[in-house]
Amino acid sequence: MSEVKTTVSFPSSFPSSVKVSESDMPDFIKRTLAIELYREGKLSLGTAAELAGTRNKWEMLTILDSSGVPINYTTEDVEDDLNTLERIIG
């Protein structure tokens, strides 16, 4: 996976305002961005999971649920996941 890197400046009070340590800030920002872009319909579930750094889509679903984000998981998504599972299992 290739990456795009960018630099964003925040006020020095930002980490304490959001109650996140500076060392945890990159993960916090990626996860927050993934949640919001999924909420806006700009990212698919899989892409949001990748951006957030989750292990899989199911973990992302849990994060979205705990953030109060409605899940847009269609019948087509279920079928795609089942087909993928069948290919993996055999």
PDB file of N, CA and C in Angstrom:
ATOM      1  N   MET A   1       0.849  -1.179   0.000  1.00  0.00           N
ATOM      2  CA  MET A   1       0.000   0.000   0.000  1.00  0.00           C
ATOM      3  C   MET A   1       0.893   1.240   0.000  1.00  0.00           C
ATOM      4  N   SER A   2       0.664   2.111  -0.957  1.00  0.00           N
ATOM      5  CA  SER A   2       1.398   3.372  -0.954  1.00  0.00           C
ATOM      6  C   SER A   2       0.690   4.356  -0.034  1.00  0.00           C
ATOM      7  N   GLU A   3       1.424   5.333   0.390  1.00  0.00           N
ATOM      8  CA  GLU A   3       0.864   6.302   1.336  1.00  0.00           C
ATOM      9  C   GLU A   3       1.034   7.715   0.814  1.00  0.00           C
ATOM     10  N   VAL A   4       0.145   8.578   1.259  1.00  0.00           N
ATOM     11  CA  VAL A   4       0.259  10.008   1.010  1.00  0.00           C
ATOM     12  C   VAL A   4       0.541  10.646   2.355  1.00  0.00           C
ATOM     13  N   LYS A   5       1.563  11.449   2.419  1.00  0.00           N
ATOM     14  CA  LYS A   5       1.900  12.116   3.675  1.00  0.00           C
ATOM     15  C   LYS A   5       1.638  13.596   3.518  1.00  0.00           C
ATOM     16  N   THR A   6       1.130  14.178   4.573  1.00  0.00           N
ATOM     17  CA  THR A   6       0.882  15.610   4.602  1.00  0.00           C
ATOM     18  C   THR A   6       1.137  16.120   6.003  1.00  0.00           C
ATOM     19  N   THR A   7       1.334  17.396   6.124  1.00  0.00           N
ATOM     20  CA  THR A   7       1.560  18.006   7.427  1.00  0.00           C
ATOM     21  C   THR A   7       0.406  18.950   7.724  1.00  0.00           C
ATOM     22  N   VAL A   8      -0.125  18.835   8.919  1.00  0.00           N
ATOM     23  CA  VAL A   8      -1.214  19.704   9.354  1.00  0.00           C
ATOM     24  C   VAL A   8      -0.797  20.334  10.669  1.00  0.00           C
ATOM     25  N   SER A   9      -0.988  21.623  10.778  1.00  0.00           N
ATOM     26  CA  SER A   9      -0.650  22.327  12.021  1.00  0.00           C
ATOM     27  C   SER A   9      -1.906  22.561  12.842  1.00  0.00           C
ATOM     28  N   PHE A  10      -1.803  22.308  14.135  1.00  0.00           N
ATOM     29  CA  PHE A  10      -2.888  22.535  15.076  1.00  0.00           C
ATOM     30  C   PHE A  10      -2.394  23.480  16.162  1.00  0.00           C
ATOM     31  N   PRO A  11      -3.305  24.188  16.796  1.00  0.00           N
ATOM     32  CA  PRO A  11      -2.886  25.009  17.940  1.00  0.00           C
ATOM     33  C   PRO A  11      -2.279  24.113  19.028  1.00  0.00           C
ATOM     34  N   SER A  12      -1.368  24.632  19.787  1.00  0.00           N
ATOM     35  CA  SER A  12      -0.705  23.830  20.821  1.00  0.00           C
ATOM     36  C   SER A  12      -1.688  23.293  21.851  1.00  0.00           C
ATOM     37  N   SER A  13      -2.845  23.925  21.983  1.00  0.00           N
ATOM     38  CA  SER A  13      -3.850  23.466  22.948  1.00  0.00           C
ATOM     39  C   SER A  13      -4.675  22.288  22.426  1.00  0.00           C
ATOM     40  N   PHE A  14      -4.525  21.949  21.155  1.00  0.00           N
ATOM     41  CA  PHE A  14      -5.368  20.909  20.559  1.00  0.00           C
ATOM     42  C   PHE A  14      -5.278  19.556  21.263  1.00  0.00           C
ATOM     43  N   PRO A  15      -4.086  19.007  21.511  1.00  0.00           N
ATOM     44  CA  PRO A  15      -4.037  17.691  22.177  1.00  0.00           C
ATOM     45  C   PRO A  15      -4.759  17.667  23.523  1.00  0.00           C
ATOM     46  N   SER A  16      -4.595  18.711  24.315  1.00  0.00           N
ATOM     47  CA  SER A  16      -5.274  18.716  25.616  1.00  0.00           C
ATOM     48  C   SER A  16      -6.771  18.967  25.450  1.00  0.00           C
ATOM     49  N   SER A  17      -7.154  19.712  24.424  1.00  0.00           N
ATOM     50  CA  SER A  17      -8.584  19.961  24.178  1.00  0.00           C
ATOM     51  C   SER A  17      -9.330  18.681  23.838  1.00  0.00           C
ATOM     52  N   VAL A  18      -8.695  17.814  23.045  1.00  0.00           N
ATOM     53  CA  VAL A  18      -9.340  16.556  22.655  1.00  0.00           C
ATOM     54  C   VAL A  18      -8.956  15.400  23.565  1.00  0.00           C
ATOM     55  N   LYS A  19      -8.108  15.717  24.564  1.00  0.00           N
ATOM     56  CA  LYS A  19      -7.674  14.737  25.566  1.00  0.00           C
ATOM     57  C   LYS A  19      -6.986  13.528  24.931  1.00  0.00           C
ATOM     58  N   VAL A  20      -6.035  13.843  24.043  1.00  0.00           N
ATOM     59  CA  VAL A  20      -5.254  12.808  23.373  1.00  0.00           C
ATOM     60  C   VAL A  20      -3.788  13.194  23.500  1.00  0.00           C
ATOM     61  N   SER A  21      -2.957  12.227  23.857  1.00  0.00           N
ATOM     62  CA  SER A  21      -1.525  12.517  23.972  1.00  0.00           C
ATOM     63  C   SER A  21      -0.948  12.782  22.586  1.00  0.00           C
ATOM     64  N   GLU A  22       0.127  13.514  22.542  1.00  0.00           N
ATOM     65  CA  GLU A  22       0.744  13.825  21.252  1.00  0.00           C
ATOM     66  C   GLU A  22       1.198  12.561  20.533  1.00  0.00           C
ATOM     67  N   SER A  23       1.631  11.559  21.268  1.00  0.00           N
ATOM     68  CA  SER A  23       2.070  10.318  20.628  1.00  0.00           C
ATOM     69  C   SER A  23       0.903   9.548  19.999  1.00  0.00           C
ATOM     70  N   ASP A  24      -0.303   9.710  20.543  1.00  0.00           N
ATOM     71  CA  ASP A  24      -1.487   9.041  20.001  1.00  0.00           C
ATOM     72  C   ASP A  24      -2.203   9.874  18.939  1.00  0.00           C
ATOM     73  N   MET A  25      -1.740  11.112  18.721  1.00  0.00           N
ATOM     74  CA  MET A  25      -2.430  12.032  17.828  1.00  0.00           C
ATOM     75  C   MET A  25      -2.570  11.517  16.388  1.00  0.00           C
ATOM     76  N   PRO A  26      -1.522  10.955  15.757  1.00  0.00           N
ATOM     77  CA  PRO A  26      -1.699  10.486  14.371  1.00  0.00           C
ATOM     78  C   PRO A  26      -2.816   9.450  14.230  1.00  0.00           C
ATOM     79  N   ASP A  27      -2.862   8.470  15.125  1.00  0.00           N
ATOM     80  CA  ASP A  27      -3.911   7.449  15.062  1.00  0.00           C
ATOM     81  C   ASP A  27      -5.282   8.058  15.327  1.00  0.00           C
ATOM     82  N   PHE A  28      -5.353   8.975  16.284  1.00  0.00           N
ATOM     83  CA  PHE A  28      -6.613   9.649  16.605  1.00  0.00           C
ATOM     84  C   PHE A  28      -7.137  10.412  15.388  1.00  0.00           C
ATOM     85  N   ILE A  29      -6.264  11.144  14.722  1.00  0.00           N
ATOM     86  CA  ILE A  29      -6.684  11.945  13.571  1.00  0.00           C
ATOM     87  C   ILE A  29      -7.124  11.048  12.417  1.00  0.00           C
ATOM     88  N   LYS A  30      -6.370   9.971  12.137  1.00  0.00           N
ATOM     89  CA  LYS A  30      -6.764   9.059  11.056  1.00  0.00           C
ATOM     90  C   LYS A  30      -8.111   8.403  11.339  1.00  0.00           C
ATOM     91  N   ARG A  31      -8.312   7.975  12.582  1.00  0.00           N
ATOM     92  CA  ARG A  31      -9.577   7.320  12.933  1.00  0.00           C
ATOM     93  C   ARG A  31     -10.742   8.306  12.848  1.00  0.00           C
ATOM     94  N   THR A  32     -10.534   9.512  13.357  1.00  0.00           N
ATOM     95  CA  THR A  32     -11.585  10.532  13.316  1.00  0.00           C
ATOM     96  C   THR A  32     -11.922  10.902  11.875  1.00  0.00           C
ATOM     97  N   LEU A  33     -10.906  11.045  11.044  1.00  0.00           N
ATOM     98  CA  LEU A  33     -11.114  11.360   9.636  1.00  0.00           C
ATOM     99  C   LEU A  33     -11.871  10.232   8.940  1.00  0.00           C
ATOM    100  N   ALA A  34     -11.499   8.995   9.228  1.00  0.00           N
ATOM    101  CA  ALA A  34     -12.181   7.845   8.631  1.00  0.00           C
ATOM    102  C   ALA A  34     -13.657   7.816   9.016  1.00  0.00           C
ATOM    103  N   ILE A  35     -13.951   8.063  10.275  1.00  0.00           N
ATOM    104  CA  ILE A  35     -15.340   8.070  10.751  1.00  0.00           C
ATOM    105  C   ILE A  35     -16.137   9.149  10.034  1.00  0.00           C
ATOM    106  N   GLU A  36     -15.596  10.353   9.989  1.00  0.00           N
ATOM    107  CA  GLU A  36     -16.336  11.470   9.397  1.00  0.00           C
ATOM    108  C   GLU A  36     -16.502  11.326   7.889  1.00  0.00           C
ATOM    109  N   LEU A  37     -15.471  10.850   7.201  1.00  0.00           N
ATOM    110  CA  LEU A  37     -15.607  10.677   5.756  1.00  0.00           C
ATOM    111  C   LEU A  37     -16.565   9.543   5.416  1.00  0.00           C
ATOM    112  N   TYR A  38     -16.613   8.508   6.254  1.00  0.00           N
ATOM    113  CA  TYR A  38     -17.614   7.448   6.059  1.00  0.00           C
ATOM    114  C   TYR A  38     -19.014   8.017   6.301  1.00  0.00           C
ATOM    115  N   ARG A  39     -19.164   8.796   7.364  1.00  0.00           N
ATOM    116  CA  ARG A  39     -20.459   9.404   7.696  1.00  0.00           C
ATOM    117  C   ARG A  39     -20.976  10.247   6.530  1.00  0.00           C
ATOM    118  N   GLU A  40     -20.057  10.963   5.866  1.00  0.00           N
ATOM    119  CA  GLU A  40     -20.424  11.829   4.742  1.00  0.00           C
ATOM    120  C   GLU A  40     -20.603  11.059   3.436  1.00  0.00           C
ATOM    121  N   GLY A  41     -20.327   9.757   3.461  1.00  0.00           N
ATOM    122  CA  GLY A  41     -20.481   8.943   2.260  1.00  0.00           C
ATOM    123  C   GLY A  41     -19.327   9.089   1.283  1.00  0.00           C
ATOM    124  N   LYS A  42     -18.208   9.636   1.743  1.00  0.00           N
ATOM    125  CA  LYS A  42     -17.054   9.838   0.871  1.00  0.00           C
ATOM    126  C   LYS A  42     -16.092   8.661   0.885  1.00  0.00           C
ATOM    127  N   LEU A  43     -16.222   7.780   1.869  1.00  0.00           N
ATOM    128  CA  LEU A  43     -15.393   6.574   1.943  1.00  0.00           C
ATOM    129  C   LEU A  43     -16.288   5.356   2.101  1.00  0.00           C
ATOM    130  N   SER A  44     -15.883   4.273   1.464  1.00  0.00           N
ATOM    131  CA  SER A  44     -16.565   3.004   1.689  1.00  0.00           C
ATOM    132  C   SER A  44     -16.150   2.468   3.056  1.00  0.00           C
ATOM    133  N   LEU A  45     -16.842   1.457   3.509  1.00  0.00           N
ATOM    134  CA  LEU A  45     -16.499   0.839   4.789  1.00  0.00           C
ATOM    135  C   LEU A  45     -15.074   0.298   4.767  1.00  0.00           C
ATOM    136  N   GLY A  46     -14.705  -0.387   3.686  1.00  0.00           N
ATOM    137  CA  GLY A  46     -13.365  -0.956   3.590  1.00  0.00           C
ATOM    138  C   GLY A  46     -12.272   0.102   3.578  1.00  0.00           C
ATOM    139  N   THR A  47     -12.504   1.187   2.838  1.00  0.00           N
ATOM    140  CA  THR A  47     -11.515   2.256   2.784  1.00  0.00           C
ATOM    141  C   THR A  47     -11.421   2.981   4.115  1.00  0.00           C
ATOM    142  N   ALA A  48     -12.552   3.169   4.779  1.00  0.00           N
ATOM    143  CA  ALA A  48     -12.541   3.788   6.107  1.00  0.00           C
ATOM    144  C   ALA A  48     -11.769   2.909   7.089  1.00  0.00           C
ATOM    145  N   ALA A  49     -11.970   1.606   7.004  1.00  0.00           N
ATOM    146  CA  ALA A  49     -11.253   0.675   7.883  1.00  0.00           C
ATOM    147  C   ALA A  49      -9.750   0.746   7.634  1.00  0.00           C
ATOM    148  N   GLU A  50      -9.371   0.835   6.367  1.00  0.00           N
ATOM    149  CA  GLU A  50      -7.953   0.935   6.021  1.00  0.00           C
ATOM    150  C   GLU A  50      -7.352   2.230   6.562  1.00  0.00           C
ATOM    151  N   LEU A  51      -8.046   3.345   6.362  1.00  0.00           N
ATOM    152  CA  LEU A  51      -7.555   4.632   6.848  1.00  0.00           C
ATOM    153  C   LEU A  51      -7.450   4.643   8.369  1.00  0.00           C
ATOM    154  N   ALA A  52      -8.446   4.080   9.032  1.00  0.00           N
ATOM    155  CA  ALA A  52      -8.459   4.069  10.493  1.00  0.00           C
ATOM    156  C   ALA A  52      -7.426   3.111  11.081  1.00  0.00           C
ATOM    157  N   GLY A  53      -6.906   2.219  10.247  1.00  0.00           N
ATOM    158  CA  GLY A  53      -5.908   1.266  10.737  1.00  0.00           C
ATOM    159  C   GLY A  53      -6.507   0.115  11.517  1.00  0.00           C
ATOM    160  N   THR A  54      -7.771  -0.207  11.239  1.00  0.00           N
ATOM    161  CA  THR A  54      -8.395  -1.328  11.938  1.00  0.00           C
ATOM    162  C   THR A  54      -7.956  -2.642  11.305  1.00  0.00           C
ATOM    163  N   ARG A  55      -8.153  -3.727  12.029  1.00  0.00           N
ATOM    164  CA  ARG A  55      -7.760  -5.046  11.530  1.00  0.00           C
ATOM    165  C   ARG A  55      -8.657  -5.519  10.398  1.00  0.00           C
ATOM    166  N   ASN A  56      -9.931  -5.086  10.421  1.00  0.00           N
ATOM    167  CA  ASN A  56     -10.885  -5.539   9.411  1.00  0.00           C
ATOM    168  C   ASN A  56     -12.129  -4.641   9.424  1.00  0.00           C
ATOM    169  N   LYS A  57     -13.045  -4.929   8.490  1.00  0.00           N
ATOM    170  CA  LYS A  57     -14.279  -4.129   8.398  1.00  0.00           C
ATOM    171  C   LYS A  57     -15.153  -4.279   9.635  1.00  0.00           C
ATOM    172  N   TRP A  58     -15.102  -5.453  10.263  1.00  0.00           N
ATOM    173  CA  TRP A  58     -15.954  -5.697  11.422  1.00  0.00           C
ATOM    174  C   TRP A  58     -15.541  -4.787  12.586  1.00  0.00           C
ATOM    175  N   GLU A  59     -14.244  -4.609  12.750  1.00  0.00           N
ATOM    176  CA  GLU A  59     -13.776  -3.700  13.791  1.00  0.00           C
ATOM    177  C   GLU A  59     -14.216  -2.270  13.472  1.00  0.00           C
ATOM    178  N   MET A  60     -14.175  -1.897  12.192  1.00  0.00           N
ATOM    179  CA  MET A  60     -14.617  -0.557  11.796  1.00  0.00           C
ATOM    180  C   MET A  60     -16.113  -0.392  12.056  1.00  0.00           C
ATOM    181  N   LEU A  61     -16.878  -1.436  11.800  1.00  0.00           N
ATOM    182  CA  LEU A  61     -18.320  -1.376  12.087  1.00  0.00           C
ATOM    183  C   LEU A  61     -18.566  -1.092  13.564  1.00  0.00           C
ATOM    184  N   THR A  62     -17.782  -1.710  14.423  1.00  0.00           N
ATOM    185  CA  THR A  62     -17.909  -1.488  15.866  1.00  0.00           C
ATOM    186  C   THR A  62     -17.571  -0.042  16.224  1.00  0.00           C
ATOM    187  N   ILE A  63     -16.518   0.484  15.623  1.00  0.00           N
ATOM    188  CA  ILE A  63     -16.127   1.875  15.873  1.00  0.00           C
ATOM    189  C   ILE A  63     -17.217   2.831  15.401  1.00  0.00           C
ATOM    190  N   LEU A  64     -17.746   2.584  14.226  1.00  0.00           N
ATOM    191  CA  LEU A  64     -18.813   3.448  13.701  1.00  0.00           C
ATOM    192  C   LEU A  64     -20.044   3.393  14.593  1.00  0.00           C
ATOM    193  N   ASP A  65     -20.397   2.199  15.032  1.00  0.00           N
ATOM    194  CA  ASP A  65     -21.553   2.046  15.910  1.00  0.00           C
ATOM    195  C   ASP A  65     -21.352   2.804  17.218  1.00  0.00           C
ATOM    196  N   SER A  66     -20.168   2.670  17.802  1.00  0.00           N
ATOM    197  CA  SER A  66     -19.916   3.360  19.075  1.00  0.00           C
ATOM    198  C   SER A  66     -19.836   4.868  18.895  1.00  0.00           C
ATOM    199  N   SER A  67     -19.614   5.318  17.663  1.00  0.00           N
ATOM    200  CA  SER A  67     -19.582   6.758  17.372  1.00  0.00           C
ATOM    201  C   SER A  67     -20.950   7.278  16.940  1.00  0.00           C
ATOM    202  N   GLY A  68     -21.948   6.394  16.903  1.00  0.00           N
ATOM    203  CA  GLY A  68     -23.301   6.804  16.533  1.00  0.00           C
ATOM    204  C   GLY A  68     -23.488   7.038  15.048  1.00  0.00           C
ATOM    205  N   VAL A  69     -22.632   6.429  14.238  1.00  0.00           N
ATOM    206  CA  VAL A  69     -22.716   6.608  12.785  1.00  0.00           C
ATOM    207  C   VAL A  69     -23.592   5.506  12.206  1.00  0.00           C
ATOM    208  N   PRO A  70     -24.636   5.879  11.458  1.00  0.00           N
ATOM    209  CA  PRO A  70     -25.465   4.859  10.814  1.00  0.00           C
ATOM    210  C   PRO A  70     -24.633   4.049   9.828  1.00  0.00           C
ATOM    211  N   ILE A  71     -24.850   2.766   9.823  1.00  0.00           N
ATOM    212  CA  ILE A  71     -24.079   1.871   8.968  1.00  0.00           C
ATOM    213  C   ILE A  71     -24.793   1.724   7.631  1.00  0.00           C
ATOM    214  N   ASN A  72     -24.051   1.938   6.565  1.00  0.00           N
ATOM    215  CA  ASN A  72     -24.578   1.760   5.220  1.00  0.00           C
ATOM    216  C   ASN A  72     -24.000   0.457   4.675  1.00  0.00           C
ATOM    217  N   TYR A  73     -24.502  -0.650   5.181  1.00  0.00           N
ATOM    218  CA  TYR A  73     -24.005  -1.969   4.806  1.00  0.00           C
ATOM    219  C   TYR A  73     -25.137  -2.678   4.073  1.00  0.00           C
ATOM    220  N   THR A  74     -25.028  -2.698   2.756  1.00  0.00           N
ATOM    221  CA  THR A  74     -26.123  -3.164   1.914  1.00  0.00           C
ATOM    222  C   THR A  74     -26.100  -4.686   1.738  1.00  0.00           C
ATOM    223  N   THR A  75     -27.150  -5.187   1.154  1.00  0.00           N
ATOM    224  CA  THR A  75     -27.229  -6.606   0.807  1.00  0.00           C
ATOM    225  C   THR A  75     -26.098  -6.963  -0.142  1.00  0.00           C
ATOM    226  N   GLU A  76     -25.777  -6.057  -1.049  1.00  0.00           N
ATOM    227  CA  GLU A  76     -24.664  -6.286  -1.980  1.00  0.00           C
ATOM    228  C   GLU A  76     -23.345  -6.418  -1.226  1.00  0.00           C
ATOM    229  N   ASP A  77     -23.165  -5.603  -0.180  1.00  0.00           N
ATOM    230  CA  ASP A  77     -21.954  -5.707   0.638  1.00  0.00           C
ATOM    231  C   ASP A  77     -21.870  -7.076   1.305  1.00  0.00           C
ATOM    232  N   VAL A  78     -22.988  -7.550   1.818  1.00  0.00           N
ATOM    233  CA  VAL A  78     -23.022  -8.864   2.463  1.00  0.00           C
ATOM    234  C   VAL A  78     -22.652  -9.942   1.446  1.00  0.00           C
ATOM    235  N   GLU A  79     -23.240  -9.871   0.270  1.00  0.00           N
ATOM    236  CA  GLU A  79     -22.953 -10.866  -0.764  1.00  0.00           C
ATOM    237  C   GLU A  79     -21.473 -10.838  -1.158  1.00  0.00           C
ATOM    238  N   ASP A  80     -20.915  -9.641  -1.301  1.00  0.00           N
ATOM    239  CA  ASP A  80     -19.483  -9.526  -1.627  1.00  0.00           C
ATOM    240  C   ASP A  80     -18.624 -10.159  -0.537  1.00  0.00           C
ATOM    241  N   ASP A  81     -18.970  -9.886   0.715  1.00  0.00           N
ATOM    242  CA  ASP A  81     -18.203 -10.457   1.825  1.00  0.00           C
ATOM    243  C   ASP A  81     -18.331 -11.978   1.866  1.00  0.00           C
ATOM    244  N   LEU A  82     -19.525 -12.490   1.609  1.00  0.00           N
ATOM    245  CA  LEU A  82     -19.722 -13.941   1.589  1.00  0.00           C
ATOM    246  C   LEU A  82     -18.937 -14.585   0.449  1.00  0.00           C
ATOM    247  N   ASN A  83     -18.930 -13.947  -0.719  1.00  0.00           N
ATOM    248  CA  ASN A  83     -18.151 -14.468  -1.852  1.00  0.00           C
ATOM    249  C   ASN A  83     -16.659 -14.480  -1.524  1.00  0.00           C
ATOM    250  N   THR A  84     -16.190 -13.438  -0.887  1.00  0.00           N
ATOM    251  CA  THR A  84     -14.782 -13.383  -0.480  1.00  0.00           C
ATOM    252  C   THR A  84     -14.464 -14.493   0.495  1.00  0.00           C
ATOM    253  N   LEU A  85     -15.351 -14.697   1.459  1.00  0.00           N
ATOM    254  CA  LEU A  85     -15.161 -15.768   2.439  1.00  0.00           C
ATOM    255  C   LEU A  85     -15.108 -17.139   1.758  1.00  0.00           C
ATOM    256  N   GLU A  86     -16.025 -17.351   0.832  1.00  0.00           N
ATOM    257  CA  GLU A  86     -16.044 -18.646   0.120  1.00  0.00           C
ATOM    258  C   GLU A  86     -14.743 -18.859  -0.641  1.00  0.00           C
ATOM    259  N   ARG A  87     -14.214 -17.793  -1.265  1.00  0.00           N
ATOM    260  CA  ARG A  87     -12.953 -17.914  -2.001  1.00  0.00           C
ATOM    261  C   ARG A  87     -11.802 -18.236  -1.060  1.00  0.00           C
ATOM    262  N   ILE A  88     -11.802 -17.623   0.110  1.00  0.00           N
ATOM    263  CA  ILE A  88     -10.720 -17.835   1.070  1.00  0.00           C
ATOM    264  C   ILE A  88     -10.776 -19.242   1.667  1.00  0.00           C
ATOM    265  N   ILE A  89     -11.981 -19.642   2.046  1.00  0.00           N
ATOM    266  CA  ILE A  89     -12.155 -20.946   2.706  1.00  0.00           C
ATOM    267  C   ILE A  89     -11.986 -22.092   1.718  1.00  0.00           C
ATOM    268  N   GLY A  90     -12.414 -21.876   0.518  1.00  0.00           N
ATOM    269  CA  GLY A  90     -12.127 -22.924  -0.421  1.00  0.00           C
ATOM    270  C   GLY A  90     -13.211 -23.338  -1.289  1.00  0.00           C
TER     271      GLY A  90
END
